[in-house]
N, C-alpha and C. Protein backbone atom coordinates (compact mmCIF):
# COMPACT_ATOMS: atom_id res chain seq x y z
N MET A 1 121.42 90.72 144.78
CA MET A 1 121.41 90.66 143.30
C MET A 1 120.18 90.12 142.76
N GLN A 2 119.65 89.01 143.58
CA GLN A 2 118.41 88.44 143.12
C GLN A 2 117.28 89.41 143.16
N GLU A 3 117.26 90.25 144.20
CA GLU A 3 116.17 91.25 144.40
C GLU A 3 116.29 92.28 143.24
N GLN A 4 117.55 92.66 142.86
CA GLN A 4 117.67 93.56 141.79
C GLN A 4 117.17 93.01 140.47
N ASN A 5 117.52 91.76 140.17
CA ASN A 5 117.02 91.11 138.98
C ASN A 5 115.49 91.07 138.96
N GLN A 6 114.86 90.78 140.15
CA GLN A 6 113.44 90.75 140.23
C GLN A 6 112.78 92.07 139.88
N THR A 7 113.41 93.04 140.47
CA THR A 7 112.83 94.45 140.20
C THR A 7 112.99 94.79 138.72
N GLU A 8 114.17 94.43 138.17
CA GLU A 8 114.39 94.72 136.75
C GLU A 8 113.27 93.95 135.88
N ARG A 9 113.09 92.81 136.19
CA ARG A 9 112.01 92.02 135.40
C ARG A 9 110.66 92.64 135.64
N GLU A 10 110.34 93.07 136.88
CA GLU A 10 108.91 93.68 137.11
C GLU A 10 108.85 94.97 136.22
N ILE A 11 109.89 95.79 136.32
CA ILE A 11 109.84 97.10 135.53
C ILE A 11 109.76 96.85 134.12
N LYS A 12 110.60 95.93 133.58
CA LYS A 12 110.51 95.59 132.09
C LYS A 12 109.15 95.15 131.72
N GLN A 13 108.57 94.34 132.60
CA GLN A 13 107.15 93.85 132.27
C GLN A 13 106.16 95.00 132.25
N ILE A 14 106.29 95.95 133.10
CA ILE A 14 105.45 97.04 133.21
C ILE A 14 105.61 97.89 131.83
N ILE A 15 106.82 98.12 131.50
CA ILE A 15 107.18 98.94 130.32
C ILE A 15 106.58 98.24 129.10
N ASP A 16 106.73 97.00 128.99
CA ASP A 16 106.19 96.13 127.83
C ASP A 16 104.64 96.30 127.82
N THR A 17 104.02 96.17 128.93
CA THR A 17 102.56 96.29 129.06
C THR A 17 102.08 97.63 128.66
N CYS A 18 102.80 98.68 129.09
CA CYS A 18 102.48 100.10 128.78
C CYS A 18 102.67 100.28 127.24
N ASP A 19 103.68 99.78 126.66
CA ASP A 19 103.83 99.86 125.15
C ASP A 19 102.68 99.26 124.45
N ARG A 20 102.22 98.04 124.97
CA ARG A 20 101.08 97.37 124.20
C ARG A 20 99.87 98.22 124.40
N LEU A 21 99.62 98.82 125.63
CA LEU A 21 98.46 99.66 125.89
C LEU A 21 98.50 100.86 124.97
N ILE A 22 99.67 101.45 124.86
CA ILE A 22 99.77 102.63 123.89
C ILE A 22 99.38 102.26 122.44
N GLN A 23 99.88 101.12 122.01
CA GLN A 23 99.62 100.68 120.68
C GLN A 23 98.12 100.41 120.51
N ALA A 24 97.50 99.78 121.59
CA ALA A 24 96.01 99.43 121.54
C ALA A 24 95.18 100.70 121.87
N GLU A 25 95.76 101.85 122.22
CA GLU A 25 95.13 103.05 122.56
C GLU A 25 94.09 102.79 123.77
N LYS A 26 94.59 102.00 124.75
CA LYS A 26 93.83 101.86 125.99
C LYS A 26 94.43 102.76 127.04
N PHE A 27 94.09 104.06 126.94
CA PHE A 27 94.76 105.04 127.68
C PHE A 27 94.15 105.10 129.10
N ASP A 28 92.91 104.64 129.35
CA ASP A 28 92.56 104.61 130.75
C ASP A 28 93.30 103.62 131.52
N GLU A 29 93.53 102.48 130.89
CA GLU A 29 94.40 101.44 131.63
C GLU A 29 95.82 101.84 131.70
N LEU A 30 96.29 102.59 130.75
CA LEU A 30 97.68 102.98 130.67
C LEU A 30 98.01 103.91 131.88
N VAL A 31 97.14 104.79 132.05
CA VAL A 31 97.40 105.84 133.16
C VAL A 31 97.44 105.23 134.54
N GLU A 32 96.91 104.11 134.72
CA GLU A 32 97.00 103.38 135.98
C GLU A 32 98.38 102.93 136.38
N PHE A 33 99.37 102.94 135.37
CA PHE A 33 100.69 102.64 135.64
C PHE A 33 101.58 103.90 135.93
N TYR A 34 100.86 105.00 136.08
CA TYR A 34 101.55 106.28 136.43
C TYR A 34 101.21 106.75 137.86
N THR A 35 102.10 107.35 138.49
CA THR A 35 101.73 107.97 139.78
C THR A 35 100.73 109.13 139.64
N GLU A 36 100.00 109.46 140.73
CA GLU A 36 99.01 110.51 140.56
C GLU A 36 99.61 111.84 140.02
N ASP A 37 100.86 112.08 140.49
CA ASP A 37 101.49 113.33 140.14
C ASP A 37 102.58 113.20 139.05
N ALA A 38 102.55 112.15 138.17
CA ALA A 38 103.46 111.83 137.23
C ALA A 38 103.67 112.97 136.20
N VAL A 39 104.88 112.98 135.60
CA VAL A 39 105.21 113.95 134.55
C VAL A 39 105.52 113.16 133.18
N LEU A 40 104.91 113.51 132.13
CA LEU A 40 105.13 113.00 130.78
C LEU A 40 105.69 114.10 129.98
N VAL A 41 106.91 113.94 129.38
CA VAL A 41 107.44 114.86 128.45
C VAL A 41 106.77 114.60 127.04
N VAL A 42 105.89 115.40 126.73
CA VAL A 42 105.10 115.24 125.42
C VAL A 42 105.97 115.46 124.27
N LYS A 43 106.79 116.58 124.32
CA LYS A 43 107.80 116.97 123.39
C LYS A 43 108.62 117.99 124.11
N PRO A 44 109.84 118.29 123.57
CA PRO A 44 110.65 119.30 124.26
C PRO A 44 109.88 120.68 124.51
N GLY A 45 109.85 121.07 125.76
CA GLY A 45 109.14 122.29 126.12
C GLY A 45 107.68 122.07 126.48
N MET A 46 107.19 120.85 126.38
CA MET A 46 105.80 120.53 126.74
C MET A 46 105.70 119.32 127.56
N GLU A 47 105.06 119.45 128.73
CA GLU A 47 104.94 118.42 129.67
C GLU A 47 103.41 118.25 129.99
N ALA A 48 103.07 117.02 130.38
CA ALA A 48 101.69 116.71 130.93
C ALA A 48 101.99 116.32 132.36
N HIS A 49 101.15 116.82 133.24
CA HIS A 49 101.20 116.54 134.70
C HIS A 49 100.02 115.87 135.22
N GLY A 50 100.16 114.73 135.81
CA GLY A 50 98.94 113.99 136.47
C GLY A 50 98.32 113.06 135.38
N ARG A 51 97.67 112.19 135.88
CA ARG A 51 97.06 111.09 135.15
C ARG A 51 96.12 111.64 133.95
N GLU A 52 95.22 112.59 134.36
CA GLU A 52 94.26 113.01 133.25
C GLU A 52 95.03 113.78 132.14
N GLN A 53 95.93 114.66 132.48
CA GLN A 53 96.71 115.39 131.40
C GLN A 53 97.50 114.39 130.66
N ILE A 54 98.09 113.36 131.26
CA ILE A 54 98.85 112.34 130.52
C ILE A 54 97.91 111.57 129.60
N LYS A 55 96.76 111.18 130.00
CA LYS A 55 95.81 110.52 129.15
C LYS A 55 95.45 111.37 127.91
N GLN A 56 95.22 112.68 128.14
CA GLN A 56 94.88 113.50 127.05
C GLN A 56 96.09 113.68 126.07
N ALA A 57 97.30 113.70 126.68
CA ALA A 57 98.43 113.82 125.82
C ALA A 57 98.66 112.61 124.97
N PHE A 58 98.42 111.38 125.53
CA PHE A 58 98.55 110.31 124.72
C PHE A 58 97.53 110.14 123.57
N ILE A 59 96.32 110.68 123.82
CA ILE A 59 95.27 110.69 122.83
C ILE A 59 95.68 111.48 121.73
N LYS A 60 96.35 112.70 121.96
CA LYS A 60 96.87 113.64 120.93
C LYS A 60 98.08 113.00 120.21
N ILE A 61 99.01 112.37 121.00
CA ILE A 61 100.11 111.67 120.37
C ILE A 61 99.65 110.63 119.37
N ALA A 62 98.68 109.90 119.81
CA ALA A 62 98.18 108.79 118.88
C ALA A 62 97.71 109.40 117.64
N ALA A 63 96.88 110.49 117.69
CA ALA A 63 96.43 111.22 116.56
C ALA A 63 97.47 111.75 115.63
N TYR A 64 98.53 112.34 116.33
CA TYR A 64 99.71 112.85 115.54
C TYR A 64 100.30 111.77 114.69
N PHE A 65 100.39 110.55 115.25
CA PHE A 65 100.99 109.42 114.48
C PHE A 65 99.87 108.62 113.72
N ASP A 66 98.85 109.19 113.25
CA ASP A 66 97.72 108.62 112.54
C ASP A 66 97.27 107.32 113.23
N ASN A 67 97.24 107.36 114.48
CA ASN A 67 96.70 106.18 115.39
C ASN A 67 97.42 104.90 114.96
N SER A 68 98.70 104.97 114.68
CA SER A 68 99.57 103.81 114.21
C SER A 68 100.81 103.59 115.11
N ILE A 69 100.92 104.38 116.15
CA ILE A 69 102.11 104.36 116.91
C ILE A 69 102.34 103.00 117.60
N LYS A 70 103.63 102.53 117.59
CA LYS A 70 104.04 101.27 118.27
C LYS A 70 105.29 101.46 118.86
N PRO A 71 105.44 101.77 120.19
CA PRO A 71 106.76 101.79 120.79
C PRO A 71 107.40 100.44 121.05
N ILE A 72 108.69 100.43 120.89
CA ILE A 72 109.44 99.19 121.05
C ILE A 72 110.73 99.53 121.84
N GLU A 73 110.94 98.78 122.91
CA GLU A 73 112.08 99.04 123.72
C GLU A 73 113.28 98.18 123.23
N GLY A 74 114.49 98.82 123.22
CA GLY A 74 115.68 98.15 122.84
C GLY A 74 116.44 97.89 124.22
N GLU A 75 117.69 98.07 124.18
CA GLU A 75 118.52 97.87 125.41
C GLU A 75 118.10 98.78 126.50
N MET A 76 118.16 98.20 127.81
CA MET A 76 117.80 98.99 128.91
C MET A 76 118.85 98.89 130.04
N VAL A 77 119.03 99.93 130.83
CA VAL A 77 119.88 99.88 131.97
C VAL A 77 118.98 100.29 133.11
N TYR A 78 119.05 99.64 134.25
CA TYR A 78 118.25 99.93 135.44
C TYR A 78 119.20 100.38 136.57
N LEU A 79 118.93 101.51 137.17
CA LEU A 79 119.66 101.99 138.34
C LEU A 79 118.64 102.04 139.46
N ILE A 80 118.89 101.17 140.43
CA ILE A 80 117.89 100.97 141.53
C ILE A 80 118.40 101.50 142.85
N ALA A 81 117.62 102.39 143.52
CA ALA A 81 117.95 102.91 144.79
C ALA A 81 116.69 102.73 145.71
N GLY A 82 116.58 101.61 146.37
CA GLY A 82 115.46 101.32 147.25
C GLY A 82 114.08 101.36 146.39
N ASP A 83 113.23 102.29 146.82
CA ASP A 83 111.91 102.32 146.10
C ASP A 83 111.80 103.11 144.94
N THR A 84 113.05 103.49 144.33
CA THR A 84 113.02 104.30 143.10
C THR A 84 113.99 103.65 142.06
N VAL A 85 113.59 103.64 140.81
CA VAL A 85 114.43 102.98 139.73
C VAL A 85 114.45 104.06 138.59
N LEU A 86 115.75 104.36 138.14
CA LEU A 86 115.90 105.08 136.95
C LEU A 86 116.20 104.15 135.83
N VAL A 87 115.40 104.24 134.66
CA VAL A 87 115.53 103.36 133.61
C VAL A 87 116.09 104.15 132.39
N LEU A 88 117.17 103.77 131.88
CA LEU A 88 117.69 104.39 130.60
C LEU A 88 117.44 103.38 129.54
N ALA A 89 116.68 103.81 128.51
CA ALA A 89 116.18 102.96 127.51
C ALA A 89 116.43 103.40 126.09
N GLN A 90 116.73 102.48 125.26
CA GLN A 90 116.79 102.72 123.84
C GLN A 90 115.30 102.43 123.35
N THR A 91 114.70 103.47 122.93
CA THR A 91 113.26 103.30 122.53
C THR A 91 113.11 103.64 120.99
N PHE A 92 112.38 102.78 120.33
CA PHE A 92 112.10 102.98 118.95
C PHE A 92 110.58 103.25 118.75
N LEU A 93 110.09 104.11 117.94
CA LEU A 93 108.79 104.36 117.64
C LEU A 93 108.52 103.90 116.18
N GLU A 94 107.53 102.98 116.03
CA GLU A 94 107.07 102.61 114.72
C GLU A 94 105.76 103.26 114.47
N ALA A 95 105.50 103.69 113.24
CA ALA A 95 104.23 104.29 112.87
C ALA A 95 104.00 104.16 111.41
N SER A 96 102.86 104.52 110.90
CA SER A 96 102.65 104.45 109.47
C SER A 96 103.63 105.27 108.70
N GLU A 97 103.88 104.93 107.51
CA GLU A 97 104.88 105.63 106.70
C GLU A 97 104.62 107.04 106.62
N ALA A 98 103.37 107.39 106.40
CA ALA A 98 103.00 108.80 106.31
C ALA A 98 103.28 109.56 107.60
N ALA A 99 102.93 108.92 108.71
CA ALA A 99 103.16 109.57 110.02
C ALA A 99 104.62 109.84 110.35
N VAL A 100 105.46 108.82 109.92
CA VAL A 100 106.90 108.95 110.10
C VAL A 100 107.43 110.07 109.18
N GLU A 101 106.99 110.13 108.06
CA GLU A 101 107.46 111.22 107.02
C GLU A 101 107.08 112.57 107.56
N ASN A 102 105.97 112.74 108.15
CA ASN A 102 105.55 114.03 108.55
C ASN A 102 105.89 114.44 109.96
N SER A 103 106.57 113.47 110.65
CA SER A 103 106.97 113.74 112.01
C SER A 103 108.26 114.58 112.17
N GLU A 104 108.27 115.61 112.98
CA GLU A 104 109.47 116.40 113.19
C GLU A 104 110.36 115.74 114.29
N PHE A 105 109.92 114.68 114.87
CA PHE A 105 110.60 114.10 116.01
C PHE A 105 111.19 112.77 115.55
N SER A 106 112.40 112.46 116.24
CA SER A 106 113.19 111.27 116.00
C SER A 106 112.37 110.05 116.30
N MET A 107 112.42 108.98 115.60
CA MET A 107 111.74 107.74 115.88
C MET A 107 112.66 106.85 116.67
N GLU A 108 113.84 107.17 116.83
CA GLU A 108 114.79 106.41 117.79
C GLU A 108 115.23 107.42 118.89
N ARG A 109 115.04 106.92 120.18
CA ARG A 109 115.33 107.84 121.22
C ARG A 109 116.04 107.12 122.40
N ARG A 110 116.68 107.88 123.20
CA ARG A 110 117.31 107.42 124.41
C ARG A 110 116.57 107.95 125.65
N ALA A 111 115.57 107.18 126.00
CA ALA A 111 114.56 107.55 126.95
C ALA A 111 115.08 107.42 128.47
N THR A 112 114.50 108.23 129.28
CA THR A 112 114.68 108.09 130.76
C THR A 112 113.33 108.01 131.36
N TYR A 113 113.17 106.99 132.28
CA TYR A 113 111.95 106.71 133.02
C TYR A 113 112.34 106.59 134.47
N VAL A 114 111.43 107.19 135.35
CA VAL A 114 111.71 107.05 136.79
C VAL A 114 110.43 106.39 137.33
N PHE A 115 110.79 105.20 138.00
CA PHE A 115 109.66 104.48 138.63
C PHE A 115 109.80 104.54 140.14
N LYS A 116 108.60 104.62 140.81
CA LYS A 116 108.61 104.64 142.28
C LYS A 116 107.68 103.51 142.76
N GLN A 117 108.01 103.02 143.87
CA GLN A 117 107.09 101.88 144.48
C GLN A 117 106.15 102.61 145.38
N VAL A 118 104.95 102.46 144.97
CA VAL A 118 103.75 103.06 145.73
C VAL A 118 102.79 102.05 146.15
N ASP A 119 102.57 101.84 147.42
CA ASP A 119 101.74 100.80 147.90
C ASP A 119 101.99 99.43 147.30
N GLY A 120 103.28 99.11 147.19
CA GLY A 120 103.69 97.75 146.72
C GLY A 120 103.65 97.61 145.13
N ARG A 121 103.32 98.72 144.44
CA ARG A 121 103.39 98.67 143.01
C ARG A 121 104.34 99.60 142.44
N TRP A 122 105.03 99.14 141.42
CA TRP A 122 105.90 100.11 140.73
C TRP A 122 105.04 100.97 139.71
N LEU A 123 105.28 102.30 139.81
CA LEU A 123 104.53 103.22 138.95
C LEU A 123 105.44 104.20 138.33
N CYS A 124 105.17 104.64 137.20
CA CYS A 124 106.04 105.56 136.50
C CYS A 124 105.80 106.92 137.02
N ALA A 125 106.80 107.70 137.55
CA ALA A 125 106.74 108.98 138.08
C ALA A 125 107.11 110.03 136.99
N ILE A 126 108.10 109.67 136.22
CA ILE A 126 108.68 110.58 135.12
C ILE A 126 108.76 109.66 133.82
N ASP A 127 108.20 110.12 132.75
CA ASP A 127 108.29 109.45 131.46
C ASP A 127 108.81 110.43 130.51
N ASN A 128 110.05 110.31 130.15
CA ASN A 128 110.73 111.17 129.30
C ASN A 128 111.39 110.43 128.11
N SER A 129 110.61 110.29 127.02
CA SER A 129 111.15 109.53 125.90
C SER A 129 112.31 110.28 125.18
N TYR A 130 112.47 111.51 125.49
CA TYR A 130 113.48 112.31 124.81
C TYR A 130 114.88 112.28 125.54
N GLY A 131 114.78 111.84 126.76
CA GLY A 131 116.10 111.64 127.55
C GLY A 131 116.85 112.96 127.64
N THR A 132 118.12 112.95 127.55
CA THR A 132 119.00 114.09 127.75
C THR A 132 118.99 115.00 126.48
N THR A 133 118.26 114.62 125.40
CA THR A 133 118.17 115.51 124.28
C THR A 133 117.39 116.73 124.67
N LEU A 134 116.73 116.74 125.79
CA LEU A 134 116.10 117.99 126.28
C LEU A 134 117.06 119.08 126.49
N LEU A 135 118.29 118.74 126.77
CA LEU A 135 119.38 119.66 127.03
C LEU A 135 119.71 120.52 125.81
N GLU A 136 119.39 119.98 124.61
CA GLU A 136 119.79 120.57 123.41
C GLU A 136 118.88 121.74 122.95
N ASN A 137 117.69 121.84 123.68
CA ASN A 137 116.77 122.85 123.29
C ASN A 137 116.82 124.08 124.17
């Protein structure tokens, strides 16, 4: 149980760090928290594969939200199986009023993240802020 709690704390800290890096638009630093072959769901029907595509996607996402995006995590559930963790997260996106009004996407999401331990570090392998709503499309 103690090991599980430690893993949960580590993953939560990584997610919080990534949220701050997204807000600060430090995308070179951000992608270091992803596996080499990671997948980012940019929007339903569009994915970015690998660190370079993920970096470019985050640059475009920031521009879409008038460079004002601020992700905030709410409640989280961690499902741990050895070197893999599935995180179910309530995620909120804050942005400028104009960006929110013009967005076709929900600002409150039920995200799913998959983390893998690689060389002693937890890295995000799948970043899906849309969660199971992908099934609706």
